[in-house]
Amino acid sequence: MRTRRVAPFVLLGSVALAPGVAWAAPPESAAEEPHDAPAPAAPGAEPAWADYAIDGTHGFVGVGLGPGASGFWTYKQRVIAKPELLFALRGGLLFDRAEVAIELAPVTWVPDFEGKPILSFLVSIGGLPALGEHVFWPLRFGLGLAAVNTPNDAVLMQGRVDLIGLAYHYGHLLFELDLPSTRFASDLETYGIWSWVGNLSVSYLLI
C-alpha cells in the first residue's frame, strides 16, 4: 500500500525536475562541435602574408636588373647594336593597379661595355591589367633624363615604353619581367641611344 502512496510524489517530482534537466543539457549543435575547432578571425584582423591583396593603395620599393641590347644612332649613320646591362632602384604608388613610379639607375646603366656607366632617372605612369588571379600585364610609359659619362657630357632627354611583359603577385611581393623595356635617350640634336632591356624586377608592397 505504501508504494501506491509514494508513486504520485515520485511522478510529480520527475515532472518538476524535467525542465531543469533539459536546461542544463548542452544543445546538440554544441555537443557535436569539436573542442579544438579554430576560432573565427577577429574583425579587422590582418590577412595572412600570402593573402595580401594588391587592390587598394600601396607604396612599393624594389630593384630591377636586366641585360639587353643598345644601339647608338648619330642621325647620319645606321644604328650599331651592342650588349648592355641595367641595374635600377624603383619605387612609387599603386592605386588599384594603376601605377605612378620612379626609376633610378645611380650610374648603373651600361649601354656600352666599352664606355662608362650612365646615370638614368625616369618618372612613369602605367597599370597592371589582370590576366588571372595573380598574373598581370604590365603597361608603362615614362619620361626622364640621362647624364654622367654621356658623349660630350650632355644631359639627355629619355623616354620609356613597356608594352610586352608579365607580372606575378604573391603576398607583399610583385615580380615583373619586361620583354623588352624599350627606351630612347637623346640630346635631340646629334645622336640618340636606343635600348631594349629584358628587365626583371622585384618590388615589395608596403602596408
N, C-alpha and C. Protein backbone atom coordinates (compact mmCIF):
# COMPACT_ATOMS: atom_id res chain seq x y z
N MET A 1 0.82 -1.21 0.00
CA MET A 1 0.00 0.00 0.00
C MET A 1 0.85 1.27 0.00
N ARG A 2 2.07 1.20 0.64
CA ARG A 2 2.94 2.37 0.68
C ARG A 2 3.43 2.75 -0.71
N THR A 3 3.69 1.76 -1.55
CA THR A 3 4.15 2.09 -2.90
C THR A 3 3.11 2.88 -3.67
N ARG A 4 1.82 2.60 -3.40
CA ARG A 4 0.77 3.36 -4.09
C ARG A 4 0.78 4.81 -3.63
N ARG A 5 1.10 5.09 -2.33
CA ARG A 5 1.12 6.47 -1.85
C ARG A 5 2.37 7.22 -2.33
N VAL A 6 3.53 6.55 -2.49
CA VAL A 6 4.77 7.20 -2.89
C VAL A 6 4.80 7.49 -4.39
N ALA A 7 4.21 6.65 -5.19
CA ALA A 7 4.29 6.77 -6.65
C ALA A 7 3.83 8.12 -7.16
N PRO A 8 2.70 8.70 -6.66
CA PRO A 8 2.30 10.02 -7.18
C PRO A 8 3.36 11.07 -6.91
N PHE A 9 4.01 11.00 -5.71
CA PHE A 9 5.04 12.02 -5.41
C PHE A 9 6.27 11.85 -6.30
N VAL A 10 6.63 10.60 -6.59
CA VAL A 10 7.76 10.37 -7.50
C VAL A 10 7.46 10.90 -8.90
N LEU A 11 6.25 10.65 -9.36
CA LEU A 11 5.85 11.14 -10.67
C LEU A 11 5.84 12.65 -10.72
N LEU A 12 5.31 13.28 -9.64
CA LEU A 12 5.24 14.73 -9.58
C LEU A 12 6.65 15.34 -9.53
N GLY A 13 7.60 14.71 -8.81
CA GLY A 13 8.97 15.22 -8.72
C GLY A 13 9.70 15.12 -10.04
N SER A 14 9.47 14.03 -10.75
CA SER A 14 10.14 13.88 -12.05
C SER A 14 9.65 14.91 -13.04
N VAL A 15 8.35 15.23 -12.98
CA VAL A 15 7.81 16.25 -13.88
C VAL A 15 8.37 17.61 -13.53
N ALA A 16 8.55 17.88 -12.21
CA ALA A 16 9.08 19.18 -11.80
C ALA A 16 10.54 19.34 -12.16
N LEU A 17 11.33 18.26 -12.14
CA LEU A 17 12.76 18.33 -12.44
C LEU A 17 13.05 18.32 -13.93
N ALA A 18 12.11 17.89 -14.77
CA ALA A 18 12.37 17.74 -16.20
C ALA A 18 12.83 19.03 -16.86
N PRO A 19 12.21 20.22 -16.61
CA PRO A 19 12.71 21.44 -17.27
C PRO A 19 14.13 21.78 -16.86
N GLY A 20 14.48 21.56 -15.59
CA GLY A 20 15.84 21.84 -15.15
C GLY A 20 16.86 20.95 -15.81
N VAL A 21 16.53 19.69 -16.00
CA VAL A 21 17.44 18.78 -16.67
C VAL A 21 17.62 19.18 -18.13
N ALA A 22 16.53 19.54 -18.78
CA ALA A 22 16.59 19.95 -20.18
C ALA A 22 17.40 21.23 -20.33
N TRP A 23 17.29 22.18 -19.37
CA TRP A 23 18.04 23.44 -19.45
C TRP A 23 19.54 23.21 -19.27
N ALA A 24 19.89 22.27 -18.37
CA ALA A 24 21.30 22.00 -18.09
C ALA A 24 21.98 21.23 -19.18
N ALA A 25 21.25 20.45 -19.98
CA ALA A 25 21.88 19.64 -21.03
C ALA A 25 22.33 20.54 -22.16
N PRO A 26 23.53 20.33 -22.72
CA PRO A 26 24.03 21.16 -23.83
C PRO A 26 23.24 20.91 -25.09
N PRO A 27 23.06 21.94 -25.92
CA PRO A 27 22.35 21.72 -27.20
C PRO A 27 23.12 20.76 -28.08
N GLU A 28 22.39 20.15 -29.02
CA GLU A 28 23.00 19.15 -29.88
C GLU A 28 24.13 19.73 -30.71
N SER A 29 23.95 20.98 -31.24
CA SER A 29 24.98 21.57 -32.08
C SER A 29 26.25 21.83 -31.28
N ALA A 30 26.09 22.24 -30.00
CA ALA A 30 27.28 22.49 -29.19
C ALA A 30 27.95 21.19 -28.81
N ALA A 31 27.16 20.16 -28.58
CA ALA A 31 27.76 18.88 -28.19
C ALA A 31 28.53 18.27 -29.35
N GLU A 32 28.04 18.51 -30.57
CA GLU A 32 28.70 17.91 -31.72
C GLU A 32 29.93 18.68 -32.16
N GLU A 33 30.06 19.99 -31.75
CA GLU A 33 31.18 20.81 -32.20
C GLU A 33 32.46 20.37 -31.50
N PRO A 34 33.53 20.10 -32.21
CA PRO A 34 34.79 19.69 -31.57
C PRO A 34 35.38 20.82 -30.75
N HIS A 35 36.04 20.43 -29.66
CA HIS A 35 36.59 21.43 -28.75
C HIS A 35 37.79 22.14 -29.35
N ASP A 36 38.46 21.52 -30.33
CA ASP A 36 39.67 22.13 -30.90
C ASP A 36 39.39 22.86 -32.20
N ALA A 37 38.14 23.23 -32.50
CA ALA A 37 37.82 23.96 -33.72
C ALA A 37 38.47 25.33 -33.68
N PRO A 38 39.04 25.81 -34.79
CA PRO A 38 39.71 27.11 -34.79
C PRO A 38 38.72 28.24 -34.59
N ALA A 39 39.13 29.21 -33.83
CA ALA A 39 38.28 30.36 -33.57
C ALA A 39 38.22 31.23 -34.81
N PRO A 40 37.06 31.83 -35.10
CA PRO A 40 36.97 32.71 -36.28
C PRO A 40 37.87 33.92 -36.10
N ALA A 41 38.34 34.45 -37.26
CA ALA A 41 39.23 35.61 -37.22
C ALA A 41 38.49 36.81 -36.67
N ALA A 42 39.13 37.55 -35.83
CA ALA A 42 38.53 38.74 -35.24
C ALA A 42 38.32 39.80 -36.31
N PRO A 43 37.24 40.56 -36.20
CA PRO A 43 37.01 41.62 -37.19
C PRO A 43 38.18 42.59 -37.21
N GLY A 44 38.64 42.96 -38.41
CA GLY A 44 39.75 43.88 -38.54
C GLY A 44 41.11 43.26 -38.42
N ALA A 45 41.19 41.92 -38.31
CA ALA A 45 42.49 41.27 -38.18
C ALA A 45 43.24 41.34 -39.50
N GLU A 46 44.57 41.38 -39.44
CA GLU A 46 45.40 41.44 -40.63
C GLU A 46 45.33 40.10 -41.39
N PRO A 47 45.26 40.13 -42.75
CA PRO A 47 45.23 38.88 -43.51
C PRO A 47 46.58 38.18 -43.46
N ALA A 48 46.58 36.90 -43.79
CA ALA A 48 47.84 36.16 -43.86
C ALA A 48 48.75 36.80 -44.90
N TRP A 49 50.07 36.61 -44.70
CA TRP A 49 51.05 37.28 -45.57
C TRP A 49 50.82 36.92 -47.03
N ALA A 50 50.55 35.64 -47.31
CA ALA A 50 50.37 35.20 -48.69
C ALA A 50 49.06 35.68 -49.29
N ASP A 51 48.10 36.11 -48.45
CA ASP A 51 46.80 36.56 -48.93
C ASP A 51 46.72 38.07 -49.08
N TYR A 52 47.85 38.76 -49.01
CA TYR A 52 47.85 40.21 -49.09
C TYR A 52 47.36 40.64 -50.47
N ALA A 53 46.33 41.46 -50.51
CA ALA A 53 45.69 41.84 -51.78
C ALA A 53 46.43 42.99 -52.43
N ILE A 54 46.52 42.95 -53.75
CA ILE A 54 47.19 44.02 -54.49
C ILE A 54 46.24 45.20 -54.71
N ASP A 55 44.93 44.97 -54.58
CA ASP A 55 43.98 46.06 -54.75
C ASP A 55 44.10 47.05 -53.59
N GLY A 56 43.70 48.27 -53.85
CA GLY A 56 43.83 49.31 -52.84
C GLY A 56 45.04 50.19 -53.14
N THR A 57 45.40 51.02 -52.18
CA THR A 57 46.53 51.94 -52.33
C THR A 57 47.73 51.41 -51.57
N HIS A 58 48.84 51.24 -52.26
CA HIS A 58 50.06 50.72 -51.65
C HIS A 58 51.26 51.51 -52.15
N GLY A 59 52.21 51.78 -51.29
CA GLY A 59 53.52 52.19 -51.73
C GLY A 59 54.35 50.95 -52.01
N PHE A 60 55.40 51.10 -52.81
CA PHE A 60 56.25 49.95 -53.10
C PHE A 60 57.68 50.43 -53.34
N VAL A 61 58.61 49.54 -53.05
CA VAL A 61 60.03 49.77 -53.35
C VAL A 61 60.56 48.48 -53.96
N GLY A 62 61.57 48.61 -54.83
CA GLY A 62 62.08 47.41 -55.47
C GLY A 62 63.37 47.67 -56.22
N VAL A 63 63.85 46.62 -56.86
CA VAL A 63 65.07 46.68 -57.67
C VAL A 63 64.79 45.99 -59.00
N GLY A 64 65.55 46.40 -60.02
CA GLY A 64 65.43 45.79 -61.34
C GLY A 64 66.80 45.53 -61.92
N LEU A 65 66.91 44.44 -62.65
CA LEU A 65 68.18 44.06 -63.28
C LEU A 65 67.87 43.39 -64.60
N GLY A 66 68.63 43.75 -65.63
CA GLY A 66 68.38 43.10 -66.90
C GLY A 66 69.45 43.36 -67.94
N PRO A 67 69.78 42.33 -68.72
CA PRO A 67 70.65 42.52 -69.88
C PRO A 67 69.82 42.98 -71.07
N GLY A 68 70.49 43.42 -72.09
CA GLY A 68 69.76 43.85 -73.27
C GLY A 68 70.69 44.22 -74.40
N ALA A 69 70.15 44.98 -75.34
CA ALA A 69 70.93 45.46 -76.48
C ALA A 69 70.66 46.94 -76.64
N SER A 70 71.69 47.69 -76.95
CA SER A 70 71.55 49.12 -77.16
C SER A 70 72.08 49.48 -78.54
N GLY A 71 71.57 50.55 -79.10
CA GLY A 71 72.02 51.00 -80.41
C GLY A 71 72.29 52.48 -80.41
N PHE A 72 73.49 52.88 -80.81
CA PHE A 72 73.84 54.30 -80.91
C PHE A 72 73.51 54.80 -82.30
N TRP A 73 72.83 55.91 -82.35
CA TRP A 73 72.37 56.48 -83.61
C TRP A 73 72.85 57.93 -83.68
N THR A 74 73.63 58.27 -84.67
CA THR A 74 74.19 59.61 -84.79
C THR A 74 73.44 60.48 -85.77
N TYR A 75 72.27 60.05 -86.20
CA TYR A 75 71.45 60.78 -87.17
C TYR A 75 72.08 60.82 -88.56
N LYS A 76 73.28 60.26 -88.71
CA LYS A 76 73.93 60.19 -90.01
C LYS A 76 74.31 58.76 -90.38
N GLN A 77 74.40 57.90 -89.39
CA GLN A 77 74.78 56.53 -89.62
C GLN A 77 73.68 55.61 -89.11
N ARG A 78 73.76 54.36 -89.53
CA ARG A 78 72.80 53.38 -89.06
C ARG A 78 73.08 53.04 -87.59
N VAL A 79 72.07 52.42 -86.94
CA VAL A 79 72.21 52.03 -85.54
C VAL A 79 73.19 50.88 -85.41
N ILE A 80 74.11 50.99 -84.48
CA ILE A 80 75.07 49.93 -84.20
C ILE A 80 74.67 49.28 -82.87
N ALA A 81 74.22 48.04 -82.90
CA ALA A 81 73.73 47.37 -81.70
C ALA A 81 74.89 46.79 -80.90
N LYS A 82 74.81 46.96 -79.57
CA LYS A 82 75.82 46.44 -78.66
C LYS A 82 75.14 45.89 -77.42
N PRO A 83 75.77 44.96 -76.72
CA PRO A 83 75.18 44.45 -75.48
C PRO A 83 75.19 45.51 -74.39
N GLU A 84 74.22 45.43 -73.51
CA GLU A 84 74.11 46.41 -72.42
C GLU A 84 73.62 45.73 -71.15
N LEU A 85 73.66 46.47 -70.04
CA LEU A 85 73.19 45.98 -68.75
C LEU A 85 72.61 47.14 -67.96
N LEU A 86 71.50 46.88 -67.27
CA LEU A 86 70.84 47.92 -66.47
C LEU A 86 70.54 47.38 -65.08
N PHE A 87 70.95 48.15 -64.07
CA PHE A 87 70.54 47.89 -62.69
C PHE A 87 69.91 49.17 -62.16
N ALA A 88 68.70 49.06 -61.59
CA ALA A 88 68.00 50.26 -61.16
C ALA A 88 67.21 50.01 -59.89
N LEU A 89 67.00 51.09 -59.15
CA LEU A 89 66.12 51.11 -57.99
C LEU A 89 64.79 51.72 -58.41
N ARG A 90 63.71 51.22 -57.84
CA ARG A 90 62.40 51.75 -58.22
C ARG A 90 61.50 51.88 -57.00
N GLY A 91 60.54 52.76 -57.10
CA GLY A 91 59.57 52.95 -56.03
C GLY A 91 58.40 53.76 -56.54
N GLY A 92 57.30 53.75 -55.79
CA GLY A 92 56.15 54.51 -56.24
C GLY A 92 54.90 54.12 -55.48
N LEU A 93 53.76 54.36 -56.12
CA LEU A 93 52.46 54.10 -55.53
C LEU A 93 51.60 53.31 -56.50
N LEU A 94 50.80 52.39 -55.95
CA LEU A 94 49.78 51.67 -56.71
C LEU A 94 48.41 52.10 -56.21
N PHE A 95 47.54 52.48 -57.15
CA PHE A 95 46.17 52.84 -56.84
C PHE A 95 45.25 51.86 -57.57
N ASP A 96 44.88 50.76 -56.89
CA ASP A 96 44.04 49.73 -57.54
C ASP A 96 44.65 49.31 -58.88
N ARG A 97 45.94 49.01 -58.88
CA ARG A 97 46.71 48.51 -60.01
C ARG A 97 47.06 49.58 -61.05
N ALA A 98 46.71 50.84 -60.80
CA ALA A 98 47.27 51.95 -61.57
C ALA A 98 48.56 52.38 -60.87
N GLU A 99 49.61 52.64 -61.65
CA GLU A 99 50.93 52.85 -61.07
C GLU A 99 51.51 54.21 -61.42
N VAL A 100 52.10 54.85 -60.41
CA VAL A 100 52.95 56.02 -60.59
C VAL A 100 54.29 55.67 -59.95
N ALA A 101 55.39 55.74 -60.73
CA ALA A 101 56.65 55.22 -60.23
C ALA A 101 57.83 56.06 -60.68
N ILE A 102 58.93 55.91 -59.97
CA ILE A 102 60.21 56.48 -60.38
C ILE A 102 61.22 55.33 -60.48
N GLU A 103 62.17 55.50 -61.37
CA GLU A 103 63.25 54.53 -61.52
C GLU A 103 64.58 55.29 -61.56
N LEU A 104 65.52 54.85 -60.75
CA LEU A 104 66.82 55.50 -60.69
C LEU A 104 67.92 54.46 -60.88
N ALA A 105 68.72 54.66 -61.91
CA ALA A 105 69.93 53.86 -62.11
C ALA A 105 71.11 54.75 -61.72
N PRO A 106 71.62 54.60 -60.49
CA PRO A 106 72.65 55.52 -59.98
C PRO A 106 74.02 55.25 -60.60
N VAL A 107 74.15 55.66 -61.87
CA VAL A 107 75.36 55.40 -62.66
C VAL A 107 75.57 53.88 -62.78
N THR A 108 74.45 53.18 -63.04
CA THR A 108 74.50 51.72 -63.19
C THR A 108 73.83 51.27 -64.48
N TRP A 109 73.64 52.19 -65.42
CA TRP A 109 73.16 51.82 -66.75
C TRP A 109 74.37 51.76 -67.67
N VAL A 110 74.61 50.59 -68.26
CA VAL A 110 75.77 50.38 -69.12
C VAL A 110 75.27 50.12 -70.54
N PRO A 111 75.04 51.17 -71.33
CA PRO A 111 74.58 50.95 -72.71
C PRO A 111 75.69 50.47 -73.63
N ASP A 112 76.94 50.59 -73.18
CA ASP A 112 78.08 50.17 -74.00
C ASP A 112 79.20 49.74 -73.05
N PHE A 113 79.59 48.47 -73.12
CA PHE A 113 80.62 47.98 -72.21
C PHE A 113 82.01 48.56 -72.53
N GLU A 114 82.13 49.22 -73.65
CA GLU A 114 83.38 49.89 -73.97
C GLU A 114 83.45 51.28 -73.34
N GLY A 115 82.35 51.76 -72.79
CA GLY A 115 82.30 53.07 -72.14
C GLY A 115 82.03 52.93 -70.65
N LYS A 116 81.71 54.05 -70.03
CA LYS A 116 81.44 54.08 -68.60
C LYS A 116 79.93 54.05 -68.34
N PRO A 117 79.53 53.61 -67.13
CA PRO A 117 78.10 53.59 -66.81
C PRO A 117 77.50 54.99 -66.78
N ILE A 118 76.21 55.06 -67.04
CA ILE A 118 75.48 56.32 -67.14
C ILE A 118 74.42 56.38 -66.03
N LEU A 119 74.13 57.57 -65.57
CA LEU A 119 73.02 57.78 -64.64
C LEU A 119 71.72 57.92 -65.42
N SER A 120 70.67 57.25 -64.94
CA SER A 120 69.35 57.34 -65.60
C SER A 120 68.29 57.59 -64.54
N PHE A 121 67.38 58.50 -64.85
CA PHE A 121 66.26 58.81 -63.95
C PHE A 121 64.99 58.93 -64.79
N LEU A 122 63.95 58.17 -64.40
CA LEU A 122 62.69 58.14 -65.15
C LEU A 122 61.50 58.24 -64.20
N VAL A 123 60.48 58.97 -64.63
CA VAL A 123 59.18 59.01 -63.96
C VAL A 123 58.18 58.38 -64.91
N SER A 124 57.38 57.44 -64.41
CA SER A 124 56.49 56.70 -65.30
C SER A 124 55.09 56.58 -64.71
N ILE A 125 54.14 56.38 -65.61
CA ILE A 125 52.77 56.03 -65.23
C ILE A 125 52.42 54.76 -65.99
N GLY A 126 51.54 53.95 -65.40
CA GLY A 126 51.18 52.70 -66.06
C GLY A 126 50.08 51.99 -65.32
N GLY A 127 49.95 50.71 -65.61
CA GLY A 127 48.91 49.91 -64.98
C GLY A 127 49.23 48.44 -65.08
N LEU A 128 48.41 47.65 -64.36
CA LEU A 128 48.58 46.19 -64.32
C LEU A 128 47.23 45.53 -64.61
N PRO A 129 46.79 45.50 -65.87
CA PRO A 129 45.56 44.77 -66.18
C PRO A 129 45.70 43.29 -65.81
N ALA A 130 44.65 42.74 -65.24
CA ALA A 130 44.69 41.37 -64.75
C ALA A 130 44.54 40.37 -65.90
N LEU A 131 45.39 39.35 -65.89
CA LEU A 131 45.28 38.22 -66.82
C LEU A 131 44.81 36.96 -66.11
N GLY A 132 44.90 36.94 -64.80
CA GLY A 132 44.50 35.81 -63.97
C GLY A 132 44.41 36.25 -62.53
N GLU A 133 44.29 35.30 -61.63
CA GLU A 133 44.12 35.64 -60.21
C GLU A 133 45.32 36.38 -59.66
N HIS A 134 46.52 35.97 -60.05
CA HIS A 134 47.74 36.62 -59.57
C HIS A 134 48.65 37.09 -60.71
N VAL A 135 48.19 37.01 -61.94
CA VAL A 135 49.02 37.32 -63.11
C VAL A 135 48.50 38.59 -63.77
N PHE A 136 49.44 39.48 -64.15
CA PHE A 136 49.07 40.78 -64.70
C PHE A 136 49.93 41.09 -65.93
N TRP A 137 49.43 42.05 -66.70
CA TRP A 137 50.13 42.51 -67.90
C TRP A 137 50.62 43.93 -67.63
N PRO A 138 51.91 44.12 -67.39
CA PRO A 138 52.41 45.46 -67.07
C PRO A 138 52.49 46.36 -68.30
N LEU A 139 51.92 47.54 -68.19
CA LEU A 139 51.98 48.56 -69.23
C LEU A 139 52.53 49.83 -68.60
N ARG A 140 53.45 50.52 -69.32
CA ARG A 140 54.13 51.65 -68.68
C ARG A 140 54.65 52.62 -69.74
N PHE A 141 54.57 53.92 -69.41
CA PHE A 141 55.15 54.97 -70.25
C PHE A 141 55.86 55.95 -69.33
N GLY A 142 57.09 56.34 -69.69
CA GLY A 142 57.83 57.22 -68.80
C GLY A 142 58.70 58.21 -69.54
N LEU A 143 59.07 59.29 -68.83
CA LEU A 143 59.97 60.32 -69.32
C LEU A 143 61.00 60.63 -68.25
N GLY A 144 62.20 61.03 -68.70
CA GLY A 144 63.22 61.35 -67.73
C GLY A 144 64.48 61.88 -68.37
N LEU A 145 65.59 61.72 -67.64
CA LEU A 145 66.88 62.25 -68.06
C LEU A 145 67.96 61.18 -67.93
N ALA A 146 69.01 61.34 -68.71
CA ALA A 146 70.22 60.52 -68.57
C ALA A 146 71.40 61.49 -68.56
N ALA A 147 72.37 61.21 -67.69
CA ALA A 147 73.51 62.11 -67.56
C ALA A 147 74.69 61.33 -66.99
N VAL A 148 75.82 62.00 -66.89
CA VAL A 148 77.07 61.46 -66.34
C VAL A 148 77.65 60.42 -67.32
N ASN A 149 78.82 60.69 -67.80
CA ASN A 149 79.54 59.79 -68.71
C ASN A 149 78.85 59.64 -70.07
N THR A 150 78.00 60.57 -70.42
CA THR A 150 77.40 60.56 -71.75
C THR A 150 78.37 61.22 -72.73
N PRO A 151 78.21 60.97 -74.03
CA PRO A 151 79.07 61.66 -75.01
C PRO A 151 78.96 63.18 -74.87
N ASN A 152 80.09 63.83 -74.83
CA ASN A 152 80.16 65.29 -74.67
C ASN A 152 79.58 65.76 -73.34
N ASP A 153 79.42 64.81 -72.38
CA ASP A 153 78.86 65.13 -71.06
C ASP A 153 77.53 65.85 -71.15
N ALA A 154 76.75 65.49 -72.15
CA ALA A 154 75.45 66.12 -72.35
C ALA A 154 74.40 65.50 -71.43
N VAL A 155 73.38 66.29 -71.10
CA VAL A 155 72.20 65.78 -70.40
C VAL A 155 71.18 65.38 -71.46
N LEU A 156 70.80 64.11 -71.44
CA LEU A 156 69.93 63.56 -72.48
C LEU A 156 68.49 63.47 -72.00
N MET A 157 67.56 63.80 -72.87
CA MET A 157 66.15 63.51 -72.63
C MET A 157 65.93 62.01 -72.87
N GLN A 158 65.05 61.43 -72.11
CA GLN A 158 64.86 59.99 -72.21
C GLN A 158 63.38 59.61 -72.13
N GLY A 159 62.99 58.64 -72.92
CA GLY A 159 61.64 58.11 -72.89
C GLY A 159 61.65 56.60 -72.71
N ARG A 160 60.56 56.08 -72.21
CA ARG A 160 60.47 54.63 -71.94
C ARG A 160 59.06 54.15 -72.26
N VAL A 161 58.97 52.97 -72.88
CA VAL A 161 57.68 52.33 -73.15
C VAL A 161 57.81 50.84 -72.84
N ASP A 162 56.92 50.32 -72.01
CA ASP A 162 56.83 48.88 -71.71
C ASP A 162 55.47 48.38 -72.17
N LEU A 163 55.46 47.53 -73.19
CA LEU A 163 54.21 47.03 -73.75
C LEU A 163 54.10 45.51 -73.69
N ILE A 164 55.21 44.82 -73.53
CA ILE A 164 55.20 43.36 -73.52
C ILE A 164 55.85 42.87 -72.23
N GLY A 165 55.14 42.05 -71.47
CA GLY A 165 55.71 41.53 -70.24
C GLY A 165 54.68 40.80 -69.41
N LEU A 166 55.11 40.29 -68.28
CA LEU A 166 54.25 39.59 -67.33
C LEU A 166 54.63 40.01 -65.92
N ALA A 167 53.62 40.07 -65.06
CA ALA A 167 53.85 40.35 -63.64
C ALA A 167 53.11 39.31 -62.82
N TYR A 168 53.71 38.91 -61.70
CA TYR A 168 53.10 37.91 -60.82
C TYR A 168 53.12 38.45 -59.39
N HIS A 169 51.97 38.38 -58.73
CA HIS A 169 51.83 38.91 -57.37
C HIS A 169 51.68 37.76 -56.38
N TYR A 170 52.52 37.79 -55.33
CA TYR A 170 52.42 36.80 -54.25
C TYR A 170 52.68 37.52 -52.93
N GLY A 171 51.65 37.62 -52.11
CA GLY A 171 51.80 38.29 -50.82
C GLY A 171 52.19 39.74 -51.02
N HIS A 172 53.25 40.15 -50.36
CA HIS A 172 53.74 41.53 -50.48
C HIS A 172 54.70 41.70 -51.66
N LEU A 173 54.98 40.64 -52.41
CA LEU A 173 55.96 40.70 -53.49
C LEU A 173 55.28 40.79 -54.85
N LEU A 174 55.88 41.58 -55.73
CA LEU A 174 55.41 41.71 -57.11
C LEU A 174 56.61 41.49 -58.03
N PHE A 175 56.56 40.39 -58.79
CA PHE A 175 57.62 40.06 -59.74
C PHE A 175 57.19 40.53 -61.13
N GLU A 176 58.13 41.09 -61.87
CA GLU A 176 57.79 41.59 -63.21
C GLU A 176 58.92 41.33 -64.18
N LEU A 177 58.55 40.91 -65.39
CA LEU A 177 59.51 40.69 -66.46
C LEU A 177 59.02 41.43 -67.69
N ASP A 178 59.84 42.37 -68.17
CA ASP A 178 59.53 43.13 -69.39
C ASP A 178 60.38 42.60 -70.53
N LEU A 179 59.73 42.27 -71.65
CA LEU A 179 60.43 41.68 -72.79
C LEU A 179 60.06 42.41 -74.09
N PRO A 180 60.71 43.51 -74.42
CA PRO A 180 61.67 44.22 -73.59
C PRO A 180 61.05 45.48 -73.00
N SER A 181 61.86 46.20 -72.19
CA SER A 181 61.57 47.57 -71.82
C SER A 181 62.31 48.45 -72.83
N THR A 182 61.57 49.17 -73.67
CA THR A 182 62.17 49.95 -74.75
C THR A 182 62.40 51.39 -74.29
N ARG A 183 63.63 51.88 -74.50
CA ARG A 183 64.00 53.23 -74.07
C ARG A 183 64.75 53.95 -75.20
N PHE A 184 64.65 55.27 -75.17
CA PHE A 184 65.40 56.08 -76.13
C PHE A 184 65.86 57.35 -75.43
N ALA A 185 67.17 57.61 -75.46
CA ALA A 185 67.76 58.80 -74.86
C ALA A 185 68.48 59.59 -75.95
N SER A 186 68.34 60.91 -75.91
CA SER A 186 68.93 61.71 -76.98
C SER A 186 69.17 63.15 -76.51
N ASP A 187 70.15 63.80 -77.14
CA ASP A 187 70.33 65.24 -76.93
C ASP A 187 69.47 66.05 -77.89
N LEU A 188 68.67 65.36 -78.69
CA LEU A 188 67.73 65.97 -79.63
C LEU A 188 68.42 66.80 -80.71
N GLU A 189 69.70 66.52 -80.91
CA GLU A 189 70.41 67.30 -81.92
C GLU A 189 71.37 66.45 -82.74
N THR A 190 72.25 65.70 -82.06
CA THR A 190 73.30 65.00 -82.81
C THR A 190 73.22 63.48 -82.73
N TYR A 191 72.72 62.92 -81.64
CA TYR A 191 72.72 61.46 -81.54
C TYR A 191 71.66 60.99 -80.54
N GLY A 192 71.42 59.70 -80.59
CA GLY A 192 70.49 59.08 -79.65
C GLY A 192 70.94 57.68 -79.29
N ILE A 193 70.39 57.14 -78.21
CA ILE A 193 70.71 55.79 -77.74
C ILE A 193 69.40 55.01 -77.63
N TRP A 194 69.25 54.01 -78.49
CA TRP A 194 68.13 53.08 -78.35
C TRP A 194 68.53 51.99 -77.36
N SER A 195 67.57 51.53 -76.56
CA SER A 195 67.85 50.50 -75.56
C SER A 195 66.68 49.54 -75.47
N TRP A 196 66.99 48.25 -75.54
CA TRP A 196 65.98 47.21 -75.37
C TRP A 196 66.45 46.28 -74.25
N VAL A 197 65.83 46.39 -73.08
CA VAL A 197 66.28 45.68 -71.89
C VAL A 197 65.27 44.60 -71.50
N GLY A 198 65.75 43.37 -71.30
CA GLY A 198 64.92 42.33 -70.71
C GLY A 198 64.94 42.48 -69.20
N ASN A 199 64.12 43.39 -68.70
CA ASN A 199 64.22 43.83 -67.30
C ASN A 199 63.42 42.93 -66.37
N LEU A 200 64.09 42.37 -65.35
CA LEU A 200 63.43 41.59 -64.30
C LEU A 200 63.47 42.41 -63.02
N SER A 201 62.32 42.68 -62.44
CA SER A 201 62.25 43.48 -61.22
C SER A 201 61.44 42.76 -60.15
N VAL A 202 61.78 43.07 -58.90
CA VAL A 202 61.06 42.56 -57.73
C VAL A 202 60.74 43.75 -56.85
N SER A 203 59.47 43.90 -56.51
CA SER A 203 59.03 45.03 -55.67
C SER A 203 58.32 44.50 -54.43
N TYR A 204 58.46 45.25 -53.34
CA TYR A 204 57.80 44.91 -52.08
C TYR A 204 56.67 45.90 -51.83
N LEU A 205 55.45 45.39 -51.67
CA LEU A 205 54.30 46.25 -51.43
C LEU A 205 54.25 46.61 -49.96
N LEU A 206 54.23 47.90 -49.68
CA LEU A 206 54.19 48.37 -48.31
C LEU A 206 52.74 48.44 -47.83
N ILE A 207 52.56 48.38 -46.53
CA ILE A 207 51.21 48.43 -45.96
C ILE A 207 50.64 49.84 -46.10
